């Protein structure tokens, strides 16, 4: 099963980074080039434990639907989202936030598997793992930029 791990240092408090990472509005903003938008469930604000969101996006030249649920959460240190319905055989994204001097270390651990047996494994190796890694890096870059500037207030002001 493919696995991606990313570590990002962000000069902002863990609570802010944690909340921005579960902001539906920030996620949507960070994925505009993929036409990603929430279409059901928690469609704005902060997603919480037990809640679901269904995303519609264009990946690999095809419209895709992905429904995820927050299956674990320990504020402000971690949360896990897992696929309920979608193109993956399995998709689990673990988010960790470790306070440190001058900021937060954000760690993403992303596990996934596709259907299609041997063909799926080949496709994973050649394309999907790199594609998802780049997607996560782009998203983390947006979280970092927003968290380190006053832009974060736009995504979190007035939210619980």
Protein backbone atom coordinates (compact mmCIF):
# COMPACT_ATOMS: atom_id res chain seq x y z
CA UNK A 1 0.00 0.00 0.00
CA UNK A 2 1.43 3.40 -0.97
CA UNK A 3 2.33 5.76 1.88
CA UNK A 4 3.29 9.45 1.80
CA UNK A 5 4.72 11.36 4.74
CA UNK A 6 5.32 15.11 4.68
CA UNK A 7 6.73 17.36 7.41
CA UNK A 8 6.16 21.12 7.27
CA UNK A 9 7.39 23.74 9.74
CA UNK A 10 4.95 26.61 10.21
CA UNK A 11 5.68 29.76 12.22
CA UNK A 12 2.30 29.83 13.96
CA UNK A 13 0.69 28.29 17.05
CA UNK A 14 -0.46 24.67 16.81
CA UNK A 15 -4.09 25.63 17.53
CA UNK A 16 -4.17 27.91 14.47
CA UNK A 17 -2.50 25.36 12.19
CA UNK A 18 -4.83 22.62 13.48
CA UNK A 19 -7.92 24.70 12.76
CA UNK A 20 -6.72 25.86 9.34
CA UNK A 21 -6.04 22.22 8.41
CA UNK A 22 -9.66 21.30 9.06
CA UNK A 23 -11.13 24.43 7.48
CA UNK A 24 -13.41 23.47 4.58
CA UNK A 25 -13.12 27.02 3.22
CA UNK A 26 -9.30 26.97 3.20
CA UNK A 27 -9.25 23.51 1.62
CA UNK A 28 -11.56 24.72 -1.14
CA UNK A 29 -9.40 27.82 -1.65
CA UNK A 30 -6.21 25.73 -1.86
CA UNK A 31 -7.64 23.34 -4.47
CA UNK A 32 -9.23 25.75 -6.97
CA UNK A 33 -7.04 24.56 -9.84
CA UNK A 34 -8.60 21.10 -9.39
CA UNK A 35 -12.11 22.61 -9.27
CA UNK A 36 -12.51 21.01 -5.85
CA UNK A 37 -15.62 22.02 -3.95
CA UNK A 38 -17.72 20.62 -1.12
CA UNK A 39 -21.12 19.39 -2.28
CA UNK A 40 -22.57 17.64 0.80
CA UNK A 41 -22.10 17.30 4.54
CA UNK A 42 -20.02 19.95 6.27
CA UNK A 43 -19.59 22.39 3.37
CA UNK A 44 -18.03 25.36 5.21
CA UNK A 45 -16.39 26.27 8.49
CA UNK A 46 -14.42 23.74 10.54
CA UNK A 47 -15.07 20.03 10.21
CA UNK A 48 -15.26 18.13 13.51
CA UNK A 49 -15.13 14.58 14.84
CA UNK A 50 -17.75 12.33 13.25
CA UNK A 51 -18.64 14.82 10.54
CA UNK A 52 -18.43 14.10 6.82
CA UNK A 53 -17.79 16.15 3.71
CA UNK A 54 -18.27 15.11 0.11
CA UNK A 55 -15.87 16.74 -2.36
CA UNK A 56 -16.25 17.02 -6.12
CA UNK A 57 -13.05 17.65 -8.07
CA UNK A 58 -11.29 17.04 -11.36
CA UNK A 59 -8.29 14.72 -11.12
CA UNK A 60 -6.66 12.79 -13.96
CA UNK A 61 -9.02 14.47 -16.47
CA UNK A 62 -12.09 13.00 -14.78
CA UNK A 63 -14.65 14.37 -12.34
CA UNK A 64 -14.29 12.53 -9.03
CA UNK A 65 -16.38 12.37 -5.89
CA UNK A 66 -14.73 11.71 -2.51
CA UNK A 67 -16.68 11.44 0.73
CA UNK A 68 -14.58 11.53 3.91
CA UNK A 69 -15.34 11.32 7.62
CA UNK A 70 -13.31 12.63 10.54
CA UNK A 71 -12.77 9.39 12.46
CA UNK A 72 -10.45 10.63 15.24
CA UNK A 73 -9.56 13.99 16.72
CA UNK A 74 -7.43 15.16 19.62
CA UNK A 75 -7.52 18.97 19.63
CA UNK A 76 -5.10 20.59 18.78
CA UNK A 77 -2.67 17.71 18.23
CA UNK A 78 -4.16 15.40 15.60
CA UNK A 79 -7.08 14.29 13.49
CA UNK A 80 -7.74 11.58 10.94
CA UNK A 81 -9.95 11.69 7.88
CA UNK A 82 -10.88 8.51 6.03
CA UNK A 83 -12.69 7.78 2.80
CA UNK A 84 -16.28 6.65 3.18
CA UNK A 85 -16.96 6.59 -0.56
CA UNK A 86 -14.80 7.35 -3.60
CA UNK A 87 -12.23 6.21 -6.12
CA UNK A 88 -9.84 4.67 -3.62
CA UNK A 89 -10.00 1.16 -2.28
CA UNK A 90 -8.70 2.74 0.93
CA UNK A 91 -7.74 6.31 1.86
CA UNK A 92 -6.62 7.44 5.31
CA UNK A 93 -5.02 10.81 6.04
CA UNK A 94 -3.49 11.33 9.48
CA UNK A 95 -2.68 14.93 10.50
CA UNK A 96 -0.31 15.65 13.42
CA UNK A 97 0.58 19.04 14.94
CA UNK A 98 3.56 19.30 17.28
CA UNK A 99 4.17 22.61 19.04
CA UNK A 100 7.83 23.61 18.97
CA UNK A 101 9.99 26.70 19.43
CA UNK A 102 8.64 29.48 17.21
CA UNK A 103 5.80 27.46 15.70
CA UNK A 104 4.40 24.08 14.79
CA UNK A 105 5.65 20.99 13.02
CA UNK A 106 2.82 19.67 10.86
CA UNK A 107 3.08 16.03 9.79
CA UNK A 108 0.88 14.40 7.18
CA UNK A 109 0.73 10.62 6.85
CA UNK A 110 -1.33 9.58 3.85
CA UNK A 111 -2.19 5.93 3.15
CA UNK A 112 -4.09 4.87 0.06
CA UNK A 113 -4.77 1.99 -2.27
CA UNK A 114 -6.52 1.76 -5.60
CA UNK A 115 -8.65 -0.95 -7.08
CA UNK A 116 -7.49 -2.80 -10.22
CA UNK A 117 -4.93 -5.22 -8.74
CA UNK A 118 -1.60 -5.25 -10.57
CA UNK A 119 -2.65 -2.48 -12.95
CA UNK A 120 -3.56 -0.29 -9.94
CA UNK A 121 -0.17 -0.94 -8.29
CA UNK A 122 1.63 -0.01 -11.50
CA UNK A 123 -0.47 3.16 -11.87
CA UNK A 124 0.23 4.02 -8.19
CA UNK A 125 3.97 3.69 -8.71
CA UNK A 126 4.13 5.71 -11.91
CA UNK A 127 1.58 8.44 -11.35
CA UNK A 128 -0.72 8.52 -8.35
CA UNK A 129 1.82 8.66 -5.50
CA UNK A 130 3.67 11.61 -7.08
CA UNK A 131 0.40 13.33 -7.94
CA UNK A 132 -0.99 13.04 -4.40
CA UNK A 133 2.33 14.09 -2.88
CA UNK A 134 2.35 17.24 -5.04
CA UNK A 135 -1.30 17.91 -4.10
CA UNK A 136 -0.49 17.65 -0.37
CA UNK A 137 2.61 19.86 -0.78
CA UNK A 138 0.51 22.51 -2.53
CA UNK A 139 -2.11 22.37 0.21
CA UNK A 140 0.52 22.54 2.97
CA UNK A 141 2.11 25.53 1.29
CA UNK A 142 -1.23 27.36 1.39
CA UNK A 143 -1.79 26.41 5.05
CA UNK A 144 1.73 27.69 5.87
CA UNK A 145 1.25 30.97 3.99
CA UNK A 146 -2.15 31.64 5.54
CA UNK A 147 -1.09 30.64 9.08
CA UNK A 148 2.01 32.84 9.01
CA UNK A 149 0.15 35.98 7.89
CA UNK A 150 -2.96 37.83 8.96
CA UNK A 151 -4.89 35.93 6.25
CA UNK A 152 -5.71 33.23 8.82
CA UNK A 153 -8.28 35.56 10.40
CA UNK A 154 -10.36 35.36 7.21
CA UNK A 155 -10.72 31.58 7.60
CA UNK A 156 -11.14 31.36 11.39
CA UNK A 157 -12.76 34.55 12.66
CA UNK A 158 -16.10 33.80 14.25
CA UNK A 159 -15.67 30.01 14.04
CA UNK A 160 -15.63 27.59 16.98
